[in-house]
N, C-alpha and C. Protein backbone atom coordinates (compact mmCIF):
# COMPACT_ATOMS: atom_id res chain seq x y z
N UNK A 1 109.71 170.64 70.10
CA UNK A 1 108.59 171.21 69.91
C UNK A 1 107.62 170.50 69.36
N UNK A 2 107.76 170.17 68.05
CA UNK A 2 107.18 168.71 67.56
C UNK A 2 106.69 167.81 67.87
N UNK A 3 107.62 167.02 68.42
CA UNK A 3 107.49 166.03 69.25
C UNK A 3 106.62 166.00 70.50
N UNK A 4 106.58 167.22 71.23
CA UNK A 4 105.88 167.47 72.54
C UNK A 4 104.80 167.73 72.20
N UNK A 5 104.23 168.42 71.18
CA UNK A 5 102.86 168.94 70.51
C UNK A 5 102.18 167.86 69.59
N UNK A 6 102.76 166.57 69.33
CA UNK A 6 102.33 165.79 68.33
C UNK A 6 101.95 166.50 66.70
N UNK A 7 103.13 167.49 66.25
CA UNK A 7 102.77 167.82 65.17
C UNK A 7 104.11 167.69 64.39
N UNK A 8 104.06 167.83 63.27
CA UNK A 8 105.22 167.64 62.51
C UNK A 8 106.06 168.87 62.25
N UNK A 9 107.45 169.18 62.14
CA UNK A 9 108.14 170.10 62.23
C UNK A 9 107.88 170.89 61.10
N UNK A 10 107.26 170.15 59.94
CA UNK A 10 106.75 171.11 58.58
C UNK A 10 105.64 171.90 59.30
N UNK A 11 105.10 171.42 59.98
CA UNK A 11 103.63 172.09 60.71
C UNK A 11 104.46 173.47 61.11
N UNK A 12 105.06 173.16 62.18
CA UNK A 12 105.65 174.45 62.85
C UNK A 12 106.29 175.22 61.95
N UNK A 13 107.40 174.93 61.26
CA UNK A 13 107.78 175.91 60.05
C UNK A 13 106.60 176.84 59.36
N UNK A 14 105.63 175.88 58.88
CA UNK A 14 104.43 176.76 58.26
C UNK A 14 103.71 177.70 59.06
N UNK A 15 103.51 177.20 60.40
CA UNK A 15 102.83 178.37 61.26
C UNK A 15 103.86 179.36 61.64
N UNK A 16 104.95 179.15 61.51
CA UNK A 16 106.06 180.45 61.96
C UNK A 16 105.98 181.04 60.58
N UNK A 17 105.76 180.66 59.46
CA UNK A 17 105.99 181.44 58.17
C UNK A 17 104.63 182.46 58.16
N UNK A 18 103.84 181.71 58.55
CA UNK A 18 102.33 182.37 58.57
C UNK A 18 102.45 183.47 59.86
N UNK A 19 103.27 183.38 60.65
CA UNK A 19 103.29 184.78 61.81
C UNK A 19 102.31 184.21 62.89
N UNK A 20 101.95 183.02 63.11
CA UNK A 20 101.19 182.42 64.02
C UNK A 20 102.06 181.78 65.04
N UNK A 21 103.47 181.30 64.80
CA UNK A 21 104.52 181.42 65.99
C UNK A 21 105.62 182.00 65.91
N UNK A 22 106.31 182.50 66.79
CA UNK A 22 107.60 183.43 66.78
C UNK A 22 108.48 182.66 67.23
N UNK A 23 109.62 182.36 66.42
CA UNK A 23 110.65 181.87 66.86
C UNK A 23 111.86 182.44 67.17
N UNK A 24 112.79 182.86 68.06
CA UNK A 24 114.16 183.13 68.12
C UNK A 24 115.04 182.45 67.27
N UNK A 25 116.27 183.15 67.07
CA UNK A 25 117.31 182.27 66.01
C UNK A 25 118.69 182.15 66.80
N UNK A 26 119.19 181.44 66.70
CA UNK A 26 120.35 180.97 67.32
C UNK A 26 121.34 181.49 66.24
N UNK A 27 122.80 181.69 66.87
CA UNK A 27 123.76 181.98 65.65
C UNK A 27 123.73 181.30 64.63
N UNK A 28 123.91 179.83 64.39
CA UNK A 28 123.74 179.18 63.47
C UNK A 28 122.25 179.00 62.79
N UNK A 29 121.67 179.76 63.09
CA UNK A 29 120.11 179.88 62.44
C UNK A 29 119.08 178.96 62.71
N UNK A 30 119.46 178.22 63.86
CA UNK A 30 118.24 177.52 64.33
C UNK A 30 117.23 178.12 65.25
N UNK A 31 116.05 177.50 64.93
CA UNK A 31 114.78 178.24 65.57
C UNK A 31 114.80 177.66 66.88
N UNK A 32 114.43 178.68 68.11
CA UNK A 32 114.34 178.01 69.20
C UNK A 32 112.72 178.90 69.49
N UNK A 33 112.09 178.12 70.26
CA UNK A 33 110.59 178.36 70.75
C UNK A 33 110.72 178.64 72.26
N UNK A 34 109.90 179.37 73.02
CA UNK A 34 109.89 179.21 74.55
C UNK A 34 108.60 178.56 74.79
N UNK A 35 108.34 178.50 76.11
CA UNK A 35 107.11 177.86 76.76
C UNK A 35 105.95 178.24 75.95
N UNK A 36 105.62 179.47 75.96
CA UNK A 36 104.37 180.34 75.59
C UNK A 36 104.40 179.92 74.15
N UNK A 37 105.26 179.45 73.02
CA UNK A 37 105.07 179.09 71.71
C UNK A 37 104.29 177.69 72.02
N UNK A 38 104.90 177.00 72.94
CA UNK A 38 104.28 175.66 73.05
C UNK A 38 102.79 175.75 73.36
N UNK A 39 102.29 176.78 74.14
CA UNK A 39 100.82 177.22 74.73
C UNK A 39 100.14 177.52 73.38
N UNK A 40 100.71 178.32 72.47
CA UNK A 40 100.00 179.08 71.43
C UNK A 40 100.00 177.89 70.47
N UNK A 41 101.13 177.03 69.95
CA UNK A 41 101.00 176.12 69.26
C UNK A 41 99.77 174.95 69.84
N UNK A 42 99.40 174.72 70.95
CA UNK A 42 98.48 173.69 71.24
C UNK A 42 97.15 174.73 71.09
N UNK A 43 97.19 175.78 71.08
CA UNK A 43 95.84 176.66 70.79
C UNK A 43 95.81 176.52 69.71
N UNK A 44 96.58 176.70 69.01
CA UNK A 44 96.05 176.54 67.13
C UNK A 44 95.78 175.15 66.82
N UNK A 45 96.25 174.47 67.38
CA UNK A 45 95.66 172.89 67.34
C UNK A 45 94.52 172.71 67.70
N UNK A 46 93.85 173.12 68.86
CA UNK A 46 92.66 173.07 69.21
C UNK A 46 91.70 173.93 68.37
N UNK A 47 91.93 175.04 67.72
CA UNK A 47 91.19 175.57 67.15
C UNK A 47 90.89 175.08 65.91
N UNK A 48 92.07 174.47 65.71
CA UNK A 48 91.84 173.80 63.89
C UNK A 48 91.11 172.50 64.27
N UNK A 49 91.31 171.70 65.31
CA UNK A 49 90.43 170.49 65.80
C UNK A 49 88.77 171.12 65.63
N UNK A 50 88.60 172.36 66.26
CA UNK A 50 87.10 173.08 66.19
C UNK A 50 86.85 173.30 64.91
N UNK A 51 87.56 173.28 63.74
CA UNK A 51 87.42 173.29 62.49
C UNK A 51 87.45 174.76 62.17
N UNK A 52 88.16 175.56 62.68
CA UNK A 52 88.74 177.03 62.49
C UNK A 52 89.63 176.92 61.40
N UNK A 53 89.48 178.02 60.69
CA UNK A 53 90.73 178.51 59.25
C UNK A 53 91.70 178.96 60.10
N UNK A 54 93.13 178.86 59.51
CA UNK A 54 94.07 179.44 59.81
C UNK A 54 93.95 181.42 60.03
N UNK A 55 93.31 181.65 58.97
CA UNK A 55 93.09 182.95 58.92
C UNK A 55 92.54 183.59 60.10
N UNK A 56 91.45 182.67 60.61
CA UNK A 56 90.30 183.28 61.62
C UNK A 56 91.62 182.87 63.15
N UNK A 57 92.34 181.89 63.34
CA UNK A 57 93.15 181.60 64.25
C UNK A 57 94.02 182.97 64.56
N UNK A 58 94.65 183.36 63.04
CA UNK A 58 95.65 184.29 63.32
C UNK A 58 95.00 185.71 63.88
N UNK A 59 93.63 186.04 63.38
CA UNK A 59 92.91 187.07 64.21
C UNK A 59 92.98 187.11 65.57
N UNK A 60 92.56 185.80 65.92
CA UNK A 60 92.32 185.57 67.42
C UNK A 60 93.52 185.73 68.28
N UNK A 61 94.85 185.48 67.33
CA UNK A 61 95.63 185.46 68.18
C UNK A 61 96.26 186.91 68.36
N UNK A 62 96.07 187.50 67.23
CA UNK A 62 96.23 189.21 67.52
C UNK A 62 95.69 189.52 68.21
N UNK A 63 94.49 189.26 68.50
CA UNK A 63 93.30 189.99 69.37
C UNK A 63 93.95 189.77 70.61
N UNK A 64 94.64 188.59 71.03
CA UNK A 64 94.69 188.18 72.42
C UNK A 64 96.25 188.86 72.70
N UNK A 65 97.31 189.01 71.62
CA UNK A 65 98.30 189.79 71.90
C UNK A 65 98.13 191.14 72.37
N UNK A 66 96.96 191.64 71.61
CA UNK A 66 96.78 193.25 71.91
C UNK A 66 96.47 193.44 73.26
N UNK A 67 95.26 192.47 73.63
CA UNK A 67 94.79 192.39 74.96
C UNK A 67 96.12 192.24 76.14
N UNK A 68 97.07 191.54 75.88
CA UNK A 68 98.11 191.25 76.68
C UNK A 68 98.99 192.69 76.91
N UNK A 69 99.03 193.14 75.65
CA UNK A 69 99.63 194.52 75.62
C UNK A 69 98.86 195.31 76.61
N UNK A 70 97.53 195.40 76.36
CA UNK A 70 97.01 196.64 77.17
C UNK A 70 96.94 196.16 78.61
N UNK A 71 97.11 194.97 79.21
CA UNK A 71 97.17 194.46 80.34
C UNK A 71 98.72 195.22 81.05
N UNK A 72 99.66 194.84 79.93
CA UNK A 72 101.02 195.00 80.58
C UNK A 72 100.84 196.87 80.57
N UNK A 73 100.57 197.38 79.69
CA UNK A 73 100.65 198.96 79.88
C UNK A 73 99.73 199.20 81.43
N UNK A 74 98.84 198.71 81.67
CA UNK A 74 97.78 199.37 82.90
C UNK A 74 98.66 198.57 83.93
N UNK A 75 99.50 197.47 84.31
CA UNK A 75 100.17 197.16 84.97
C UNK A 75 101.17 198.42 85.22
N UNK A 76 102.00 198.76 84.29
CA UNK A 76 103.06 199.62 84.44
C UNK A 76 102.44 200.97 84.76
N UNK A 77 101.38 201.32 84.51
CA UNK A 77 100.83 202.89 84.82
C UNK A 77 100.36 202.32 86.39
N UNK A 78 99.90 201.30 86.89
CA UNK A 78 99.46 200.98 88.17
C UNK A 78 100.93 201.52 88.98
N UNK A 79 101.74 200.75 88.33
CA UNK A 79 103.11 200.68 89.37
C UNK A 79 103.61 202.10 89.12
N UNK A 80 103.81 202.91 88.61
CA UNK A 80 104.03 204.36 88.40
C UNK A 80 102.95 205.04 89.45
N UNK A 81 101.93 205.04 89.26
CA UNK A 81 100.97 205.37 90.31
C UNK A 81 101.44 205.05 91.35
N UNK A 82 101.60 203.77 92.10
CA UNK A 82 101.88 203.13 93.40
C UNK A 82 103.24 204.08 93.98
N UNK A 83 104.03 204.14 92.80
CA UNK A 83 105.36 205.24 93.18
C UNK A 83 105.15 206.24 93.62
N UNK A 84 104.42 206.98 92.63
CA UNK A 84 103.82 208.61 92.98
C UNK A 84 103.24 208.45 94.23
N UNK A 85 102.67 207.89 94.73
CA UNK A 85 101.68 207.58 96.12
C UNK A 85 102.67 207.53 97.10
N UNK A 86 103.61 206.46 97.16
CA UNK A 86 104.49 206.23 98.13
C UNK A 86 105.45 207.40 98.41
N UNK A 87 105.91 208.02 97.32
CA UNK A 87 106.50 209.12 97.40
C UNK A 87 105.61 210.35 98.23
N UNK A 88 104.81 210.39 97.67
CA UNK A 88 103.95 211.80 98.62
C UNK A 88 103.73 211.32 99.93
N UNK A 89 103.21 209.94 100.27
CA UNK A 89 102.95 209.58 101.64
C UNK A 89 104.36 209.55 102.45
N UNK A 90 105.64 209.31 101.75
CA UNK A 90 106.60 209.30 102.59
C UNK A 90 106.92 210.96 103.21
N UNK A 91 106.75 211.94 102.22
CA UNK A 91 106.75 213.35 102.41
C UNK A 91 105.71 213.76 103.65
N UNK A 92 104.58 213.24 103.44
CA UNK A 92 103.53 213.67 104.14
C UNK A 92 103.98 212.95 105.69
N UNK A 93 104.35 211.93 105.76
CA UNK A 93 105.03 211.15 107.41
C UNK A 93 105.85 212.25 108.08
N UNK A 94 106.73 213.06 107.04
CA UNK A 94 107.52 213.74 107.42
C UNK A 94 107.39 215.38 107.62
N UNK A 95 105.81 215.51 107.35
CA UNK A 95 105.38 216.90 107.14
C UNK A 95 106.26 218.01 106.31
N UNK A 96 106.80 217.40 105.02
CA UNK A 96 107.67 218.06 104.65
C UNK A 96 106.83 218.99 103.43
N UNK A 97 106.75 220.21 103.74
CA UNK A 97 105.48 220.89 102.88
C UNK A 97 106.51 221.24 101.74
N UNK A 98 107.50 221.67 101.69
CA UNK A 98 108.17 222.13 100.74
C UNK A 98 108.32 221.11 99.39
N UNK A 99 108.91 220.00 100.07
CA UNK A 99 109.26 218.66 98.94
C UNK A 99 107.65 218.17 98.69
N UNK A 100 107.01 218.28 99.28
CA UNK A 100 105.63 217.95 98.84
C UNK A 100 104.74 218.69 97.70
N UNK A 101 105.26 220.23 97.66
CA UNK A 101 104.65 221.10 96.55
C UNK A 101 105.56 220.60 95.46
N UNK A 102 106.82 220.54 95.56
CA UNK A 102 107.72 220.27 94.47
C UNK A 102 107.16 218.86 93.61
N UNK A 103 107.09 217.84 94.39
CA UNK A 103 106.62 216.77 93.82
C UNK A 103 104.96 216.75 93.39
N UNK A 104 104.22 217.51 94.04
CA UNK A 104 102.86 217.59 93.10
C UNK A 104 102.87 218.32 91.97
N UNK A 105 104.11 219.05 91.73
CA UNK A 105 103.81 219.76 90.08
C UNK A 105 104.36 218.64 89.32
N UNK A 106 105.19 217.58 89.72
CA UNK A 106 105.75 216.80 88.46
C UNK A 106 104.79 215.09 88.69
N UNK A 107 103.84 215.32 89.47
CA UNK A 107 103.05 214.51 89.31
C UNK A 107 101.77 213.77 88.14
N UNK A 108 101.40 213.14 87.45
CA UNK A 108 100.85 213.18 86.30
C UNK A 108 98.99 213.54 86.92
N UNK A 109 98.18 213.91 86.02
CA UNK A 109 96.82 213.76 86.47
C UNK A 109 96.17 212.91 87.15
N UNK A 110 96.61 211.58 86.69
CA UNK A 110 95.97 210.39 87.52
C UNK A 110 96.50 210.08 88.82
N UNK A 111 97.69 210.20 88.76
CA UNK A 111 98.60 210.05 90.11
C UNK A 111 97.66 211.31 91.22
N UNK A 112 97.87 212.52 90.85
CA UNK A 112 97.32 213.58 91.71
C UNK A 112 95.70 213.17 92.04
N UNK A 113 94.90 212.97 91.12
CA UNK A 113 93.65 212.57 91.66
C UNK A 113 93.49 211.24 92.19
N UNK A 114 94.44 210.65 92.28
CA UNK A 114 94.39 209.28 93.30
C UNK A 114 95.00 209.65 94.38
N UNK A 115 95.74 210.41 94.50
CA UNK A 115 96.14 211.06 95.95
C UNK A 115 95.50 211.71 96.53
N UNK A 116 94.46 212.58 96.07
CA UNK A 116 93.59 213.46 96.58
C UNK A 116 92.50 212.30 96.97
N UNK A 117 92.20 211.52 96.32
CA UNK A 117 91.23 210.86 96.68
C UNK A 117 91.45 210.00 98.32
N UNK A 118 92.88 209.42 98.31
CA UNK A 118 93.34 208.82 99.30
C UNK A 118 93.38 209.69 100.56
N UNK A 119 93.76 210.91 100.37
CA UNK A 119 93.73 211.85 101.34
C UNK A 119 92.41 211.69 101.84
N UNK A 120 91.30 212.03 101.28
CA UNK A 120 89.92 212.15 101.75
C UNK A 120 89.58 211.05 102.36
N UNK A 121 90.02 209.86 101.83
CA UNK A 121 89.85 208.58 102.55
C UNK A 121 90.69 208.41 103.89
N UNK A 122 91.38 209.10 104.12
CA UNK A 122 92.68 208.80 105.25
C UNK A 122 91.72 209.84 106.32
N UNK A 123 91.33 210.95 106.01
CA UNK A 123 90.88 212.17 106.87
C UNK A 123 89.49 211.70 107.51
């Protein structure tokens, strides 16, 4: 990775110790970095070239990580909503009122609101 990103191994160790880079460890305690670490290292080096201090770079990286977690949580929530809607639509197609009422009781507030909106739009 050092060679690929044109930095020294010592620089990578330093960034890893500061928490700027994350490494997996092998059974023999070697560090392994994935592709996102290469992108992250390139970002760090670009920020340094722009005159940023490492503490400011670390703050930016933490903000970026938090945004990625928020997006992942949103995607998971959307996936759950899609599953709920699909289940309800399947029972609507069968005109199965008993199962539909049972499903409605187990839906989240967001799913129920989404389904009600979809029903209004479909009618």
